[in-house]
């Protein structure tokens, strides 16, 4: 049977803090010019898994806020990174095609970090802002999981080369767009 991959996605709950999330040795932050390498997959292989790789992406957020004239004003930052200590691959099964598939999982996580920022910036906040932020976060995470599952299903975990190419073009277009990422845009490419 052809290699199949498991995408493990941990999405951080919103951190209610103003501290900057520091770069550490296990976080490879998404950047438009950075491509994953197999050496980025440093976690222990799951010997019980039927999959050949696992990409562990995380979305983070931070914010500062003030209250002026009883109005809550927020400045948000979001982003995504690969947790290298939890991402793994089976060395004998590493292929360029599988790595491209894993890269797109990472790119999709970044797309949803951007969507999260857009949703946060559109919301109106009151003294119950933590509840509002958590609701937005949960909605975004749910939609992200649906898209990641659809991506794996439609590409048959990288085996369907035609759909893999369609998804790559589709996500690249969304990442390059400057407008609002609405729900209609998140249904995947047309077959």
Protein backbone atom coordinates (compact mmCIF):
# COMPACT_ATOMS: atom_id res chain seq x y z
CA UNK A 1 0.00 0.00 0.00
CA UNK A 2 1.19 3.50 -0.74
CA UNK A 3 2.44 5.70 2.09
CA UNK A 4 -0.21 7.44 4.07
CA UNK A 5 0.42 10.28 6.43
CA UNK A 6 -1.15 11.29 9.61
CA UNK A 7 -1.52 14.95 10.27
CA UNK A 8 -1.48 15.68 13.95
CA UNK A 9 -2.53 19.18 14.63
CA UNK A 10 -2.40 20.72 18.02
CA UNK A 11 -4.00 24.07 18.12
CA UNK A 12 -3.26 26.14 21.11
CA UNK A 13 -6.08 27.55 23.08
CA UNK A 14 -5.90 31.28 23.21
CA UNK A 15 -3.26 32.42 25.63
CA UNK A 16 -4.64 35.28 27.67
CA UNK A 17 -1.35 37.06 28.03
CA UNK A 18 0.60 39.97 26.66
CA UNK A 19 3.92 38.16 26.81
CA UNK A 20 5.73 37.58 23.56
CA UNK A 21 6.01 33.94 22.60
CA UNK A 22 9.74 33.39 22.40
CA UNK A 23 11.34 31.46 19.60
CA UNK A 24 12.86 28.28 20.94
CA UNK A 25 14.68 25.34 19.45
CA UNK A 26 11.48 23.33 18.89
CA UNK A 27 9.51 26.01 17.08
CA UNK A 28 9.97 26.56 13.37
CA UNK A 29 7.84 29.61 12.61
CA UNK A 30 6.09 29.75 9.25
CA UNK A 31 7.65 32.10 6.70
CA UNK A 32 6.67 32.42 3.05
CA UNK A 33 10.20 31.60 1.89
CA UNK A 34 10.83 28.73 4.29
CA UNK A 35 10.34 25.20 3.10
CA UNK A 36 10.27 22.23 5.41
CA UNK A 37 13.16 19.77 5.33
CA UNK A 38 13.08 16.24 6.61
CA UNK A 39 15.61 17.30 9.25
CA UNK A 40 12.84 19.49 10.75
CA UNK A 41 10.99 16.31 11.79
CA UNK A 42 12.90 15.60 15.01
CA UNK A 43 10.29 13.84 17.13
CA UNK A 44 10.34 10.15 17.93
CA UNK A 45 8.65 7.98 15.32
CA UNK A 46 5.38 6.42 16.40
CA UNK A 47 6.13 2.73 15.78
CA UNK A 48 2.46 1.83 16.23
CA UNK A 49 1.33 4.23 13.50
CA UNK A 50 0.48 3.07 9.99
CA UNK A 51 1.53 6.48 8.70
CA UNK A 52 4.94 7.59 7.45
CA UNK A 53 5.00 11.13 8.82
CA UNK A 54 3.25 13.38 11.27
CA UNK A 55 3.32 17.16 11.03
CA UNK A 56 2.56 18.86 14.31
CA UNK A 57 1.58 22.49 13.70
CA UNK A 58 0.51 25.02 16.28
CA UNK A 59 -1.26 28.35 16.03
CA UNK A 60 -0.40 31.01 18.56
CA UNK A 61 -1.86 34.35 19.47
CA UNK A 62 -0.97 37.23 21.71
CA UNK A 63 -2.56 40.56 22.37
CA UNK A 64 -2.42 43.87 24.15
CA UNK A 65 -5.52 45.72 25.16
CA UNK A 66 -6.72 48.97 26.68
CA UNK A 67 -10.07 50.49 27.59
CA UNK A 68 -10.93 53.97 26.31
CA UNK A 69 -14.31 55.56 26.94
CA UNK A 70 -15.67 52.16 28.04
CA UNK A 71 -14.57 50.65 24.72
CA UNK A 72 -12.17 47.68 24.67
CA UNK A 73 -9.40 48.13 22.12
CA UNK A 74 -7.17 45.18 21.15
CA UNK A 75 -4.02 44.69 19.13
CA UNK A 76 -3.65 41.04 18.12
CA UNK A 77 -0.81 39.03 16.65
CA UNK A 78 -1.20 35.48 15.37
CA UNK A 79 1.02 33.02 13.58
CA UNK A 80 1.85 29.37 13.13
CA UNK A 81 4.83 27.15 13.66
CA UNK A 82 5.94 23.58 13.31
CA UNK A 83 6.71 21.89 16.60
CA UNK A 84 9.82 20.03 15.48
CA UNK A 85 10.06 17.89 18.61
CA UNK A 86 6.60 16.43 17.99
CA UNK A 87 6.79 16.14 14.19
CA UNK A 88 8.25 12.89 12.92
CA UNK A 89 8.83 10.80 9.82
CA UNK A 90 9.95 7.31 8.92
CA UNK A 91 13.37 7.83 7.36
CA UNK A 92 13.00 5.01 4.83
CA UNK A 93 9.71 6.47 3.57
CA UNK A 94 10.83 10.09 3.12
CA UNK A 95 10.11 11.30 -0.41
CA UNK A 96 9.93 14.77 -1.99
CA UNK A 97 6.20 14.22 -2.65
CA UNK A 98 5.49 13.35 0.96
CA UNK A 99 7.45 16.38 2.14
CA UNK A 100 5.46 18.66 -0.21
CA UNK A 101 2.28 17.20 1.27
CA UNK A 102 3.52 17.94 4.80
CA UNK A 103 4.51 21.47 3.75
CA UNK A 104 0.95 22.13 2.65
CA UNK A 105 -0.39 21.05 6.04
CA UNK A 106 1.92 23.69 7.51
CA UNK A 107 0.75 26.27 4.95
CA UNK A 108 -2.88 25.52 5.79
CA UNK A 109 -2.12 26.13 9.47
CA UNK A 110 -0.66 29.53 8.53
CA UNK A 111 -3.75 30.32 6.46
CA UNK A 112 -5.88 29.70 9.54
CA UNK A 113 -3.59 31.79 11.75
CA UNK A 114 -4.31 34.65 9.36
CA UNK A 115 -8.04 33.90 9.34
CA UNK A 116 -7.98 33.88 13.13
CA UNK A 117 -6.42 37.35 13.14
CA UNK A 118 -9.10 38.61 10.77
CA UNK A 119 -11.90 37.20 12.92
CA UNK A 120 -10.37 38.64 16.10
CA UNK A 121 -10.01 42.07 14.51
CA UNK A 122 -13.66 42.09 13.35
CA UNK A 123 -15.14 41.28 16.75
CA UNK A 124 -16.54 43.77 19.25
CA UNK A 125 -15.28 43.30 22.79
CA UNK A 126 -16.71 43.96 26.24
CA UNK A 127 -15.60 42.95 29.72
CA UNK A 128 -16.32 39.32 28.71
CA UNK A 129 -13.69 39.49 25.97
CA UNK A 130 -12.06 36.22 27.02
CA UNK A 131 -15.27 34.36 26.22
CA UNK A 132 -15.52 36.10 22.85
CA UNK A 133 -11.91 35.28 21.97
CA UNK A 134 -12.36 31.66 23.02
CA UNK A 135 -15.50 31.31 20.87
CA UNK A 136 -13.65 32.72 17.84
CA UNK A 137 -10.72 30.41 18.52
CA UNK A 138 -12.92 27.31 18.77
CA UNK A 139 -14.74 28.17 15.54
CA UNK A 140 -11.45 28.71 13.72
CA UNK A 141 -9.97 25.46 15.03
CA UNK A 142 -13.05 23.49 14.01
CA UNK A 143 -12.97 24.93 10.48
CA UNK A 144 -9.22 24.26 10.27
CA UNK A 145 -9.69 20.61 11.21
CA UNK A 146 -12.40 20.24 8.57
CA UNK A 147 -10.08 21.67 5.92
CA UNK A 148 -7.08 19.57 6.97
CA UNK A 149 -9.22 16.41 6.85
CA UNK A 150 -10.63 17.38 3.44
CA UNK A 151 -7.09 17.98 2.13
CA UNK A 152 -5.94 14.52 3.24
CA UNK A 153 -9.11 12.91 1.88
CA UNK A 154 -8.99 14.58 -1.53
CA UNK A 155 -5.26 14.03 -2.04
CA UNK A 156 -5.36 10.56 -0.54
CA UNK A 157 -2.53 11.67 1.74
CA UNK A 158 -0.36 12.82 -1.23
CA UNK A 159 -1.03 9.82 -3.47
CA UNK A 160 -3.38 11.67 -5.86
CA UNK A 161 -0.86 13.87 -7.68
CA UNK A 162 -3.52 15.79 -9.61
CA UNK A 163 -5.40 16.81 -6.47
CA UNK A 164 -2.15 17.51 -4.62
CA UNK A 165 -1.23 20.03 -7.33
CA UNK A 166 -4.75 21.54 -7.19
CA UNK A 167 -4.50 21.97 -3.42
CA UNK A 168 -1.03 23.53 -3.67
CA UNK A 169 -2.27 26.14 -6.15
CA UNK A 170 -5.44 26.74 -4.13
CA UNK A 171 -3.64 27.34 -0.81
CA UNK A 172 -0.95 29.48 -2.49
CA UNK A 173 -3.70 31.69 -3.95
CA UNK A 174 -5.37 32.08 -0.53
CA UNK A 175 -2.06 32.86 1.19
CA UNK A 176 -1.30 35.53 -1.43
CA UNK A 177 -4.73 37.17 -1.19
CA UNK A 178 -5.00 40.35 0.82
CA UNK A 179 -8.73 40.22 1.45
CA UNK A 180 -10.89 38.60 4.07
CA UNK A 181 -10.71 34.81 4.16
CA UNK A 182 -14.39 33.91 4.31
CA UNK A 183 -16.02 30.53 4.83
CA UNK A 184 -16.83 30.11 1.12
CA UNK A 185 -13.12 30.22 0.32
CA UNK A 186 -12.38 27.32 2.66
CA UNK A 187 -14.20 24.55 0.83
CA UNK A 188 -11.16 23.26 -1.04
CA UNK A 189 -10.39 23.38 -4.75
CA UNK A 190 -12.82 22.15 -7.37
CA UNK A 191 -11.98 18.65 -8.57
